[in-house]
Amino acid sequence: MERSLLIAISLLMLLPCLSRASSDPVRFFRMGDGKISIRNEHSGREATVNLFAADGKLNENALDAIDRVFGFTDGRKGEHISLRLLVLLDHFTDRVAPGKTIHLVSGYRSPAYNQKLKKSGGNVARTSTHMDGMALDFYLDGINGKLLWEIIRRGNCCGVGHYGGKNIHLDSGKPRFWEAATSKTGTRESEFNRKLYFSTEYDRYRQGEKVRFFLTSLSDFPFGVRKTASLLRDGDGENGMTALMIEGRDGEECVMINDRNASRSIRGTLPAGLEPGRYRIRFDFCKRPFEQMPTTTSSNEIEIVKDWKTVQEFQGSRVQEEKRPR
């Protein structure tokens, strides 16, 4: 029975959800209907919101409500729990248990609280994505935790862990999966920034648009990022490389990342005439504090588009093709 459910849900995951307003930019490769109902099982805080307003723009009030449920009270304007995380959570729960409440067991953790849990013997990683607002542990009533873990694992889009029982861990970090025996939270593998992860805020951007970058799963500061990054077109290797300038002070060739806030506030602007297609962005590091730290890293895949209408027309035709009798 569970195997049949897994197959059915996996097929549904191939279809994009297009129930939002037609003006909504399809920012992510995987999206749900935008509606989330979530409850913090420790604080009792809960929220039922739509992540997007009627015109397709982000609903800031909804994100504020989600922040409170997660225990994220950073207070800085524009800072929220990772939108990529929320969209992934919406995507998978829509397909497994549409309309059901998401029971949050662990949300945002400050670095100090994360360290406290680790010192007390908790199964906690030193570079936990919970500290970056990119992770949650949760369960869904009536849904087997191992089954849900398997469904998300097959998506190869994010981090997903299962330690037994109904709870699972989901994060918007590097695609990976683990169980209790393979979690490696008690090892030293993440030291020296060896497990750092480089991601963009969204999956899709228009030509010439400003991009916000995130460096996460970091163990140590400070270090630097070279001001000239590279856009690498998928499949073209070095031949498809285009320069992308990172924002920094005039004359500064090594942009310093001094703390966790700075690692989440790196920005650059895409070239206006960049050819539409799939790309990855490469950062080169400077002033590395350790030899063990990587010298370079590449981002998640992104797509450059001329306009959102083209994306929506393509996805609409794909849905119709999937529905066509074989």
C-alpha atoms as a PDB file:
ATOM      1  CA  MET A   1       0.000   0.000   0.000  1.00  0.00           C
ATOM      2  CA  GLU A   2       2.772   2.436   0.966  1.00  0.00           C
ATOM      3  CA  ARG A   3       4.723   1.562  -2.194  1.00  0.00           C
ATOM      4  CA  SER A   4       1.664   2.369  -4.354  1.00  0.00           C
ATOM      5  CA  LEU A   5       1.217   5.677  -2.540  1.00  0.00           C
ATOM      6  CA  LEU A   6       4.895   6.495  -3.075  1.00  0.00           C
ATOM      7  CA  ILE A   7       4.633   5.874  -6.821  1.00  0.00           C
ATOM      8  CA  ALA A   8       1.432   7.926  -7.147  1.00  0.00           C
ATOM      9  CA  ILE A   9       2.882  10.874  -5.239  1.00  0.00           C
ATOM     10  CA  SER A  10       6.128  10.713  -7.225  1.00  0.00           C
ATOM     11  CA  LEU A  11       4.129  11.043 -10.455  1.00  0.00           C
ATOM     12  CA  LEU A  12       2.195  14.012  -9.085  1.00  0.00           C
ATOM     13  CA  MET A  13       5.470  15.705  -8.223  1.00  0.00           C
ATOM     14  CA  LEU A  14       6.279  15.902 -11.927  1.00  0.00           C
ATOM     15  CA  LEU A  15       3.438  18.353 -12.470  1.00  0.00           C
ATOM     16  CA  PRO A  16       3.965  22.006 -11.576  1.00  0.00           C
ATOM     17  CA  CYS A  17       1.263  23.731  -9.530  1.00  0.00           C
ATOM     18  CA  LEU A  18      -0.239  26.688 -11.432  1.00  0.00           C
ATOM     19  CA  SER A  19      -3.037  27.806  -9.129  1.00  0.00           C
ATOM     20  CA  ARG A  20      -1.473  31.196  -8.294  1.00  0.00           C
ATOM     21  CA  ALA A  21      -2.289  34.473 -10.022  1.00  0.00           C
ATOM     22  CA  SER A  22      -1.116  34.647 -13.631  1.00  0.00           C
ATOM     23  CA  SER A  23       1.166  37.568 -12.801  1.00  0.00           C
ATOM     24  CA  ASP A  24       3.084  35.527 -10.242  1.00  0.00           C
ATOM     25  CA  PRO A  25       6.729  35.013 -11.225  1.00  0.00           C
ATOM     26  CA  VAL A  26       7.443  31.272 -11.163  1.00  0.00           C
ATOM     27  CA  ARG A  27      10.573  31.786  -9.101  1.00  0.00           C
ATOM     28  CA  PHE A  28      11.274  28.179  -8.141  1.00  0.00           C
ATOM     29  CA  PHE A  29      11.533  24.900 -10.004  1.00  0.00           C
ATOM     30  CA  ARG A  30       9.281  23.226  -7.406  1.00  0.00           C
ATOM     31  CA  MET A  31       6.277  25.095  -6.024  1.00  0.00           C
ATOM     32  CA  GLY A  32       3.013  24.224  -4.305  1.00  0.00           C
ATOM     33  CA  ASP A  33      -0.165  26.272  -4.095  1.00  0.00           C
ATOM     34  CA  GLY A  34       1.418  28.786  -1.705  1.00  0.00           C
ATOM     35  CA  LYS A  35      -0.898  27.947   1.211  1.00  0.00           C
ATOM     36  CA  ILE A  36       0.660  26.726   4.456  1.00  0.00           C
ATOM     37  CA  SER A  37      -0.863  25.796   7.800  1.00  0.00           C
ATOM     38  CA  ILE A  38       1.786  25.259  10.472  1.00  0.00           C
ATOM     39  CA  ARG A  39       1.858  24.862  14.256  1.00  0.00           C
ATOM     40  CA  ASN A  40       4.832  24.949  16.645  1.00  0.00           C
ATOM     41  CA  GLU A  41       4.336  21.990  18.974  1.00  0.00           C
ATOM     42  CA  HIS A  42       6.406  23.609  21.747  1.00  0.00           C
ATOM     43  CA  SER A  43       5.228  27.230  21.807  1.00  0.00           C
ATOM     44  CA  GLY A  44       1.694  26.578  20.508  1.00  0.00           C
ATOM     45  CA  ARG A  45       2.087  29.364  17.935  1.00  0.00           C
ATOM     46  CA  GLU A  46       0.400  28.670  14.621  1.00  0.00           C
ATOM     47  CA  ALA A  47      -0.347  30.304  11.305  1.00  0.00           C
ATOM     48  CA  THR A  48      -2.436  29.570   8.240  1.00  0.00           C
ATOM     49  CA  VAL A  49      -1.236  31.812   5.422  1.00  0.00           C
ATOM     50  CA  ASN A  50      -0.753  32.240   1.709  1.00  0.00           C
ATOM     51  CA  LEU A  51       2.892  32.984   0.904  1.00  0.00           C
ATOM     52  CA  PHE A  52       1.820  35.034  -2.118  1.00  0.00           C
ATOM     53  CA  ALA A  53      -0.553  37.979  -2.412  1.00  0.00           C
ATOM     54  CA  ALA A  54      -3.314  38.149  -5.035  1.00  0.00           C
ATOM     55  CA  ASP A  55      -0.993  39.953  -7.475  1.00  0.00           C
ATOM     56  CA  GLY A  56       1.637  37.221  -7.123  1.00  0.00           C
ATOM     57  CA  LYS A  57       4.047  39.218  -4.961  1.00  0.00           C
ATOM     58  CA  LEU A  58       5.427  37.852  -1.717  1.00  0.00           C
ATOM     59  CA  ASN A  59       3.080  38.302   1.230  1.00  0.00           C
ATOM     60  CA  GLU A  60       5.271  39.980   3.867  1.00  0.00           C
ATOM     61  CA  ASN A  61       2.604  39.629   6.574  1.00  0.00           C
ATOM     62  CA  ALA A  62       2.455  35.900   5.919  1.00  0.00           C
ATOM     63  CA  LEU A  63       6.235  35.598   6.149  1.00  0.00           C
ATOM     64  CA  ASP A  64       6.205  37.530   9.434  1.00  0.00           C
ATOM     65  CA  ALA A  65       3.619  35.095  10.802  1.00  0.00           C
ATOM     66  CA  ILE A  66       5.704  32.100   9.695  1.00  0.00           C
ATOM     67  CA  ASP A  67       8.777  33.653  11.345  1.00  0.00           C
ATOM     68  CA  ARG A  68       6.944  33.810  14.674  1.00  0.00           C
ATOM     69  CA  VAL A  69       5.969  30.145  14.443  1.00  0.00           C
ATOM     70  CA  PHE A  70       9.586  29.205  13.665  1.00  0.00           C
ATOM     71  CA  GLY A  71      10.862  31.331  16.567  1.00  0.00           C
ATOM     72  CA  PHE A  72      12.787  33.557  14.167  1.00  0.00           C
ATOM     73  CA  THR A  73      12.765  37.025  15.711  1.00  0.00           C
ATOM     74  CA  ASP A  74      15.784  38.534  13.975  1.00  0.00           C
ATOM     75  CA  GLY A  75      14.057  41.891  13.643  1.00  0.00           C
ATOM     76  CA  ARG A  76      16.025  43.098  10.618  1.00  0.00           C
ATOM     77  CA  LYS A  77      13.881  44.375   7.754  1.00  0.00           C
ATOM     78  CA  GLY A  78      13.545  41.887   4.925  1.00  0.00           C
ATOM     79  CA  GLU A  79      14.945  38.940   6.893  1.00  0.00           C
ATOM     80  CA  HIS A  80      12.769  35.839   7.077  1.00  0.00           C
ATOM     81  CA  ILE A  81      12.897  32.091   7.312  1.00  0.00           C
ATOM     82  CA  SER A  82      14.244  30.831   3.963  1.00  0.00           C
ATOM     83  CA  LEU A  83      11.621  31.262   1.252  1.00  0.00           C
ATOM     84  CA  ARG A  84      13.180  28.335  -0.609  1.00  0.00           C
ATOM     85  CA  LEU A  85      12.575  26.165   2.463  1.00  0.00           C
ATOM     86  CA  LEU A  86       8.932  27.254   2.723  1.00  0.00           C
ATOM     87  CA  VAL A  87       8.295  26.660  -0.972  1.00  0.00           C
ATOM     88  CA  LEU A  88       9.830  23.166  -0.767  1.00  0.00           C
ATOM     89  CA  LEU A  89       7.793  22.418   2.352  1.00  0.00           C
ATOM     90  CA  ASP A  90       4.634  23.576   0.577  1.00  0.00           C
ATOM     91  CA  HIS A  91       5.504  21.582  -2.542  1.00  0.00           C
ATOM     92  CA  PHE A  92       5.968  18.252  -0.770  1.00  0.00           C
ATOM     93  CA  THR A  93       3.175  18.561   1.800  1.00  0.00           C
ATOM     94  CA  ASP A  94       0.701  19.546  -0.942  1.00  0.00           C
ATOM     95  CA  ARG A  95       1.411  16.248  -2.654  1.00  0.00           C
ATOM     96  CA  VAL A  96       1.502  14.041   0.420  1.00  0.00           C
ATOM     97  CA  ALA A  97      -1.164  15.584   2.662  1.00  0.00           C
ATOM     98  CA  PRO A  98      -2.842  18.599   1.035  1.00  0.00           C
ATOM     99  CA  GLY A  99      -4.535  20.903   3.521  1.00  0.00           C
ATOM    100  CA  LYS A 100      -3.111  19.172   6.593  1.00  0.00           C
ATOM    101  CA  THR A 101      -1.380  21.090   9.385  1.00  0.00           C
ATOM    102  CA  ILE A 102       2.422  20.897   9.468  1.00  0.00           C
ATOM    103  CA  HIS A 103       3.526  20.120  13.028  1.00  0.00           C
ATOM    104  CA  LEU A 104       6.829  21.905  13.647  1.00  0.00           C
ATOM    105  CA  VAL A 105       9.060  20.200  16.215  1.00  0.00           C
ATOM    106  CA  SER A 106      12.216  22.297  15.700  1.00  0.00           C
ATOM    107  CA  GLY A 107      12.523  25.505  13.688  1.00  0.00           C
ATOM    108  CA  TYR A 108      15.035  28.333  13.923  1.00  0.00           C
ATOM    109  CA  ARG A 109      17.962  27.941  16.336  1.00  0.00           C
ATOM    110  CA  SER A 110      20.301  30.759  17.250  1.00  0.00           C
ATOM    111  CA  PRO A 111      23.999  29.784  17.075  1.00  0.00           C
ATOM    112  CA  ALA A 112      24.169  29.999  20.890  1.00  0.00           C
ATOM    113  CA  TYR A 113      21.159  27.700  21.337  1.00  0.00           C
ATOM    114  CA  ASN A 114      22.472  25.276  18.718  1.00  0.00           C
ATOM    115  CA  GLN A 115      25.782  25.066  20.599  1.00  0.00           C
ATOM    116  CA  LYS A 116      23.940  24.533  23.883  1.00  0.00           C
ATOM    117  CA  LEU A 117      22.022  21.597  22.393  1.00  0.00           C
ATOM    118  CA  LYS A 118      25.226  20.111  21.020  1.00  0.00           C
ATOM    119  CA  LYS A 119      27.041  20.399  24.356  1.00  0.00           C
ATOM    120  CA  SER A 120      24.136  18.722  26.136  1.00  0.00           C
ATOM    121  CA  GLY A 121      24.507  15.680  23.877  1.00  0.00           C
ATOM    122  CA  GLY A 122      21.824  16.458  21.301  1.00  0.00           C
ATOM    123  CA  ASN A 123      22.013  15.010  17.790  1.00  0.00           C
ATOM    124  CA  VAL A 124      22.932  18.451  16.444  1.00  0.00           C
ATOM    125  CA  ALA A 125      25.387  19.481  13.730  1.00  0.00           C
ATOM    126  CA  ARG A 126      27.851  22.275  14.483  1.00  0.00           C
ATOM    127  CA  THR A 127      26.972  23.881  11.133  1.00  0.00           C
ATOM    128  CA  SER A 128      23.245  23.127  11.343  1.00  0.00           C
ATOM    129  CA  THR A 129      21.074  24.792   8.706  1.00  0.00           C
ATOM    130  CA  HIS A 130      18.598  25.555  11.508  1.00  0.00           C
ATOM    131  CA  MET A 131      20.929  28.462  12.426  1.00  0.00           C
ATOM    132  CA  ASP A 132      20.458  29.989   8.964  1.00  0.00           C
ATOM    133  CA  GLY A 133      16.664  29.730   9.065  1.00  0.00           C
ATOM    134  CA  MET A 134      16.884  27.070   6.365  1.00  0.00           C
ATOM    135  CA  ALA A 135      15.582  23.986   8.196  1.00  0.00           C
ATOM    136  CA  LEU A 136      12.799  22.467  10.245  1.00  0.00           C
ATOM    137  CA  ASP A 137      11.956  19.151  11.868  1.00  0.00           C
ATOM    138  CA  PHE A 138       8.282  18.294  11.440  1.00  0.00           C
ATOM    139  CA  TYR A 139       5.616  15.661  11.043  1.00  0.00           C
ATOM    140  CA  LEU A 140       2.221  15.293   9.371  1.00  0.00           C
ATOM    141  CA  ASP A 141      -0.630  13.485  11.103  1.00  0.00           C
ATOM    142  CA  GLY A 142      -1.297  10.098   9.537  1.00  0.00           C
ATOM    143  CA  ILE A 143       1.820  10.143   7.324  1.00  0.00           C
ATOM    144  CA  ASN A 144       4.601   7.621   7.905  1.00  0.00           C
ATOM    145  CA  GLY A 145       7.881   9.465   8.533  1.00  0.00           C
ATOM    146  CA  LYS A 146      10.006   6.985   6.592  1.00  0.00           C
ATOM    147  CA  LEU A 147       7.641   7.208   3.597  1.00  0.00           C
ATOM    148  CA  LEU A 148       7.757  11.000   3.608  1.00  0.00           C
ATOM    149  CA  TRP A 149      11.568  10.894   3.868  1.00  0.00           C
ATOM    150  CA  GLU A 150      11.712   8.559   0.868  1.00  0.00           C
ATOM    151  CA  ILE A 151       9.469  10.798  -1.249  1.00  0.00           C
ATOM    152  CA  ILE A 152      11.552  13.914  -0.575  1.00  0.00           C
ATOM    153  CA  ARG A 153      14.820  12.006  -1.003  1.00  0.00           C
ATOM    154  CA  ARG A 154      13.798  10.994  -4.512  1.00  0.00           C
ATOM    155  CA  GLY A 155      13.371  14.673  -5.390  1.00  0.00           C
ATOM    156  CA  ASN A 156      17.143  15.216  -4.960  1.00  0.00           C
ATOM    157  CA  CYS A 157      16.513  18.886  -4.235  1.00  0.00           C
ATOM    158  CA  CYS A 158      17.412  19.521  -0.633  1.00  0.00           C
ATOM    159  CA  GLY A 159      18.497  18.018   2.662  1.00  0.00           C
ATOM    160  CA  VAL A 160      16.242  15.417   4.272  1.00  0.00           C
ATOM    161  CA  GLY A 161      16.892  13.268   7.316  1.00  0.00           C
ATOM    162  CA  HIS A 162      14.981  10.628   9.247  1.00  0.00           C
ATOM    163  CA  TYR A 163      15.940   9.463  12.724  1.00  0.00           C
ATOM    164  CA  GLY A 164      13.038   7.050  13.187  1.00  0.00           C
ATOM    165  CA  GLY A 165       9.389   7.640  14.046  1.00  0.00           C
ATOM    166  CA  LYS A 166       7.127  10.217  12.412  1.00  0.00           C
ATOM    167  CA  ASN A 167       9.486  13.227  12.465  1.00  0.00           C
ATOM    168  CA  ILE A 168      11.733  14.180   9.576  1.00  0.00           C
ATOM    169  CA  HIS A 169      14.260  16.969   8.983  1.00  0.00           C
ATOM    170  CA  LEU A 170      13.964  19.128   5.846  1.00  0.00           C
ATOM    171  CA  ASP A 171      16.346  21.888   4.788  1.00  0.00           C
ATOM    172  CA  SER A 172      17.028  24.001   1.713  1.00  0.00           C
ATOM    173  CA  GLY A 173      20.752  23.276   1.791  1.00  0.00           C
ATOM    174  CA  LYS A 174      22.852  20.944  -0.327  1.00  0.00           C
ATOM    175  CA  PRO A 175      20.885  17.982  -1.763  1.00  0.00           C
ATOM    176  CA  ARG A 176      21.638  15.038   0.522  1.00  0.00           C
ATOM    177  CA  PHE A 177      19.859  12.489   2.702  1.00  0.00           C
ATOM    178  CA  TRP A 178      20.588  10.518   5.832  1.00  0.00           C
ATOM    179  CA  GLU A 179      19.180   8.305   8.551  1.00  0.00           C
ATOM    180  CA  ALA A 180      20.230   8.017  12.202  1.00  0.00           C
ATOM    181  CA  ALA A 181      23.119   5.668  11.402  1.00  0.00           C
ATOM    182  CA  THR A 182      24.503   7.902   8.632  1.00  0.00           C
ATOM    183  CA  SER A 183      23.913  11.426  10.009  1.00  0.00           C
ATOM    184  CA  LYS A 184      27.577  12.069  11.023  1.00  0.00           C
ATOM    185  CA  THR A 185      26.534  14.902  13.346  1.00  0.00           C
ATOM    186  CA  GLY A 186      29.080  13.719  15.896  1.00  0.00           C
ATOM    187  CA  THR A 187      32.035  13.850  13.505  1.00  0.00           C
ATOM    188  CA  ARG A 188      34.385  16.733  12.624  1.00  0.00           C
ATOM    189  CA  GLU A 189      33.677  16.660   8.884  1.00  0.00           C
ATOM    190  CA  SER A 190      32.101  20.122   8.865  1.00  0.00           C
ATOM    191  CA  GLU A 191      35.079  21.912  10.440  1.00  0.00           C
ATOM    192  CA  PHE A 192      37.260  24.373   8.485  1.00  0.00           C
ATOM    193  CA  ASN A 193      34.234  25.392   6.344  1.00  0.00           C
ATOM    194  CA  ARG A 194      34.637  22.150   4.404  1.00  0.00           C
ATOM    195  CA  LYS A 195      30.853  21.622   4.102  1.00  0.00           C
ATOM    196  CA  LEU A 196      29.907  25.177   3.105  1.00  0.00           C
ATOM    197  CA  TYR A 197      26.988  25.503   0.701  1.00  0.00           C
ATOM    198  CA  PHE A 198      26.435  28.251  -1.865  1.00  0.00           C
ATOM    199  CA  SER A 199      22.887  29.012  -2.993  1.00  0.00           C
ATOM    200  CA  THR A 200      20.821  31.733  -4.618  1.00  0.00           C
ATOM    201  CA  GLU A 201      17.635  33.175  -3.183  1.00  0.00           C
ATOM    202  CA  TYR A 202      15.542  31.975  -6.164  1.00  0.00           C
ATOM    203  CA  ASP A 203      15.873  29.488  -9.038  1.00  0.00           C
ATOM    204  CA  ARG A 204      14.741  31.808 -11.832  1.00  0.00           C
ATOM    205  CA  TYR A 205      15.825  35.360 -12.687  1.00  0.00           C
ATOM    206  CA  ARG A 206      15.324  37.854 -15.472  1.00  0.00           C
ATOM    207  CA  GLN A 207      18.270  39.202 -17.447  1.00  0.00           C
ATOM    208  CA  GLY A 208      19.929  42.111 -15.624  1.00  0.00           C
ATOM    209  CA  GLU A 209      18.232  41.326 -12.310  1.00  0.00           C
ATOM    210  CA  LYS A 210      19.926  41.697  -8.925  1.00  0.00           C
ATOM    211  CA  VAL A 211      20.687  38.396  -7.164  1.00  0.00           C
ATOM    212  CA  ARG A 212      21.119  37.691  -3.471  1.00  0.00           C
ATOM    213  CA  PHE A 213      23.524  34.883  -2.573  1.00  0.00           C
ATOM    214  CA  PHE A 214      23.822  32.772   0.576  1.00  0.00           C
ATOM    215  CA  LEU A 215      26.856  30.972   1.966  1.00  0.00           C
ATOM    216  CA  THR A 216      25.668  28.580   4.672  1.00  0.00           C
ATOM    217  CA  SER A 217      26.782  25.552   6.719  1.00  0.00           C
ATOM    218  CA  LEU A 218      29.808  27.621   7.769  1.00  0.00           C
ATOM    219  CA  SER A 219      31.950  26.746  10.766  1.00  0.00           C
ATOM    220  CA  ASP A 220      34.366  29.692  10.860  1.00  0.00           C
ATOM    221  CA  PHE A 221      34.717  33.405  10.092  1.00  0.00           C
ATOM    222  CA  PRO A 222      36.157  35.617   8.664  1.00  0.00           C
ATOM    223  CA  PHE A 223      37.093  34.784   5.072  1.00  0.00           C
ATOM    224  CA  GLY A 224      36.817  36.519   1.712  1.00  0.00           C
ATOM    225  CA  VAL A 225      35.050  36.104  -1.644  1.00  0.00           C
ATOM    226  CA  ARG A 226      36.719  37.408  -4.788  1.00  0.00           C
ATOM    227  CA  LYS A 227      34.793  40.308  -6.252  1.00  0.00           C
ATOM    228  CA  THR A 228      34.688  38.771  -9.725  1.00  0.00           C
ATOM    229  CA  ALA A 229      32.487  35.660  -9.765  1.00  0.00           C
ATOM    230  CA  SER A 230      31.712  33.499 -12.805  1.00  0.00           C
ATOM    231  CA  LEU A 231      28.491  32.449 -14.502  1.00  0.00           C
ATOM    232  CA  LEU A 232      28.928  29.004 -16.029  1.00  0.00           C
ATOM    233  CA  ARG A 233      26.387  27.884 -18.581  1.00  0.00           C
ATOM    234  CA  ASP A 234      25.449  24.255 -17.997  1.00  0.00           C
ATOM    235  CA  GLY A 235      27.132  21.976 -20.498  1.00  0.00           C
ATOM    236  CA  ASP A 236      29.557  24.605 -21.808  1.00  0.00           C
ATOM    237  CA  GLY A 237      32.221  24.390 -19.097  1.00  0.00           C
ATOM    238  CA  GLU A 238      34.810  27.167 -19.086  1.00  0.00           C
ATOM    239  CA  ASN A 239      33.852  28.079 -22.676  1.00  0.00           C
ATOM    240  CA  GLY A 240      30.479  29.314 -21.453  1.00  0.00           C
ATOM    241  CA  MET A 241      31.880  31.482 -18.643  1.00  0.00           C
ATOM    242  CA  THR A 242      30.633  35.061 -18.072  1.00  0.00           C
ATOM    243  CA  ALA A 243      31.929  37.445 -15.396  1.00  0.00           C
ATOM    244  CA  LEU A 244      29.590  38.581 -12.621  1.00  0.00           C
ATOM    245  CA  MET A 245      30.636  41.335 -10.207  1.00  0.00           C
ATOM    246  CA  ILE A 246      29.939  41.018  -6.488  1.00  0.00           C
ATOM    247  CA  GLU A 247      28.993  44.203  -4.643  1.00  0.00           C
ATOM    248  CA  GLY A 248      31.775  45.625  -2.481  1.00  0.00           C
ATOM    249  CA  ARG A 249      33.802  48.719  -1.764  1.00  0.00           C
ATOM    250  CA  ASP A 250      35.571  50.443  -4.667  1.00  0.00           C
ATOM    251  CA  GLY A 251      39.008  48.986  -5.195  1.00  0.00           C
ATOM    252  CA  GLU A 252      38.238  45.975  -3.023  1.00  0.00           C
ATOM    253  CA  GLU A 253      39.094  42.730  -4.806  1.00  0.00           C
ATOM    254  CA  CYS A 254      38.431  40.454  -1.826  1.00  0.00           C
ATOM    255  CA  VAL A 255      34.992  41.019  -0.250  1.00  0.00           C
ATOM    256  CA  MET A 256      35.252  40.026   3.409  1.00  0.00           C
ATOM    257  CA  ILE A 257      32.606  37.822   5.044  1.00  0.00           C
ATOM    258  CA  ASN A 258      33.010  38.572   8.735  1.00  0.00           C
ATOM    259  CA  ASP A 259      29.964  36.886  10.257  1.00  0.00           C
ATOM    260  CA  ARG A 260      26.827  34.864   9.590  1.00  0.00           C
ATOM    261  CA  ASN A 261      24.790  37.944   8.677  1.00  0.00           C
ATOM    262  CA  ALA A 262      27.319  38.941   6.006  1.00  0.00           C
ATOM    263  CA  SER A 263      27.288  35.409   4.575  1.00  0.00           C
ATOM    264  CA  ARG A 264      23.559  35.827   3.869  1.00  0.00           C
ATOM    265  CA  SER A 265      23.832  39.297   2.329  1.00  0.00           C
ATOM    266  CA  ILE A 266      26.093  38.862  -0.702  1.00  0.00           C
ATOM    267  CA  ARG A 267      24.713  40.527  -3.832  1.00  0.00           C
ATOM    268  CA  GLY A 268      25.488  40.937  -7.508  1.00  0.00           C
ATOM    269  CA  THR A 269      23.695  41.903 -10.738  1.00  0.00           C
ATOM    270  CA  LEU A 270      23.223  39.583 -13.712  1.00  0.00           C
ATOM    271  CA  PRO A 271      24.423  40.911 -17.105  1.00  0.00           C
ATOM    272  CA  ALA A 272      21.572  42.549 -19.038  1.00  0.00           C
ATOM    273  CA  GLY A 273      22.307  40.685 -22.266  1.00  0.00           C
ATOM    274  CA  LEU A 274      22.865  37.260 -20.734  1.00  0.00           C
ATOM    275  CA  GLU A 275      21.592  34.475 -22.974  1.00  0.00           C
ATOM    276  CA  PRO A 276      18.536  32.685 -21.489  1.00  0.00           C
ATOM    277  CA  GLY A 277      19.293  29.210 -20.208  1.00  0.00           C
ATOM    278  CA  ARG A 278      20.534  27.217 -17.226  1.00  0.00           C
ATOM    279  CA  TYR A 279      23.605  28.394 -15.297  1.00  0.00           C
ATOM    280  CA  ARG A 280      25.595  27.918 -12.130  1.00  0.00           C
ATOM    281  CA  ILE A 281      27.551  30.641 -10.370  1.00  0.00           C
ATOM    282  CA  ARG A 282      31.089  30.075  -9.146  1.00  0.00           C
ATOM    283  CA  PHE A 283      32.681  31.872  -6.218  1.00  0.00           C
ATOM    284  CA  ASP A 284      36.437  31.909  -5.632  1.00  0.00           C
ATOM    285  CA  PHE A 285      37.574  32.383  -2.040  1.00  0.00           C
ATOM    286  CA  CYS A 286      40.364  34.617  -0.778  1.00  0.00           C
ATOM    287  CA  LYS A 287      41.939  35.143   2.639  1.00  0.00           C
ATOM    288  CA  ARG A 288      40.936  31.629   3.639  1.00  0.00           C
ATOM    289  CA  PRO A 289      41.557  30.984   7.360  1.00  0.00           C
ATOM    290  CA  PHE A 290      42.460  27.324   6.757  1.00  0.00           C
ATOM    291  CA  GLU A 291      44.111  25.310   3.994  1.00  0.00           C
ATOM    292  CA  GLN A 292      41.289  22.774   4.371  1.00  0.00           C
ATOM    293  CA  MET A 293      38.669  25.339   3.298  1.00  0.00           C
ATOM    294  CA  PRO A 294      37.661  24.970  -0.379  1.00  0.00           C
ATOM    295  CA  THR A 295      39.248  27.406  -2.838  1.00  0.00           C
ATOM    296  CA  THR A 296      36.080  27.607  -4.923  1.00  0.00           C
ATOM    297  CA  THR A 297      32.409  26.594  -4.850  1.00  0.00           C
ATOM    298  CA  SER A 298      29.469  26.507  -7.276  1.00  0.00           C
ATOM    299  CA  SER A 299      25.838  27.370  -6.655  1.00  0.00           C
ATOM    300  CA  ASN A 300      22.626  25.503  -7.272  1.00  0.00           C
ATOM    301  CA  GLU A 301      21.411  25.570 -10.869  1.00  0.00           C
ATOM    302  CA  ILE A 302      19.523  28.719 -11.882  1.00  0.00           C
ATOM    303  CA  GLU A 303      17.551  29.628 -14.998  1.00  0.00           C
ATOM    304  CA  ILE A 304      17.799  32.978 -16.777  1.00  0.00           C
ATOM    305  CA  VAL A 305      14.600  34.011 -18.588  1.00  0.00           C
ATOM    306  CA  LYS A 306      13.537  36.980 -20.707  1.00  0.00           C
ATOM    307  CA  ASP A 307      10.099  37.237 -19.089  1.00  0.00           C
ATOM    308  CA  TRP A 308       7.800  35.279 -16.772  1.00  0.00           C
ATOM    309  CA  LYS A 309       5.120  34.775 -19.456  1.00  0.00           C
ATOM    310  CA  THR A 310       7.433  32.450 -21.364  1.00  0.00           C
ATOM    311  CA  VAL A 311       7.952  30.296 -18.258  1.00  0.00           C
ATOM    312  CA  GLN A 312       4.232  30.103 -17.503  1.00  0.00           C
ATOM    313  CA  GLU A 313       3.351  29.177 -21.097  1.00  0.00           C
ATOM    314  CA  PHE A 314       5.976  26.413 -21.065  1.00  0.00           C
ATOM    315  CA  GLN A 315       4.755  24.993 -17.767  1.00  0.00           C
ATOM    316  CA  GLY A 316       1.129  25.180 -18.890  1.00  0.00           C
ATOM    317  CA  SER A 317       1.908  23.224 -22.060  1.00  0.00           C
ATOM    318  CA  ARG A 318       3.817  20.671 -20.000  1.00  0.00           C
ATOM    319  CA  VAL A 319       0.801  20.088 -17.758  1.00  0.00           C
ATOM    320  CA  GLN A 320      -1.443  19.570 -20.793  1.00  0.00           C
ATOM    321  CA  GLU A 321       1.070  17.126 -22.281  1.00  0.00           C
ATOM    322  CA  GLU A 322       1.156  15.128 -19.041  1.00  0.00           C
ATOM    323  CA  LYS A 323      -2.655  14.960 -18.979  1.00  0.00           C
ATOM    324  CA  ARG A 324      -2.945  13.799 -22.601  1.00  0.00           C
ATOM    325  CA  PRO A 325      -4.037  10.144 -22.958  1.00  0.00           C
ATOM    326  CA  ARG A 326      -1.248   7.755 -23.962  1.00  0.00           C
END
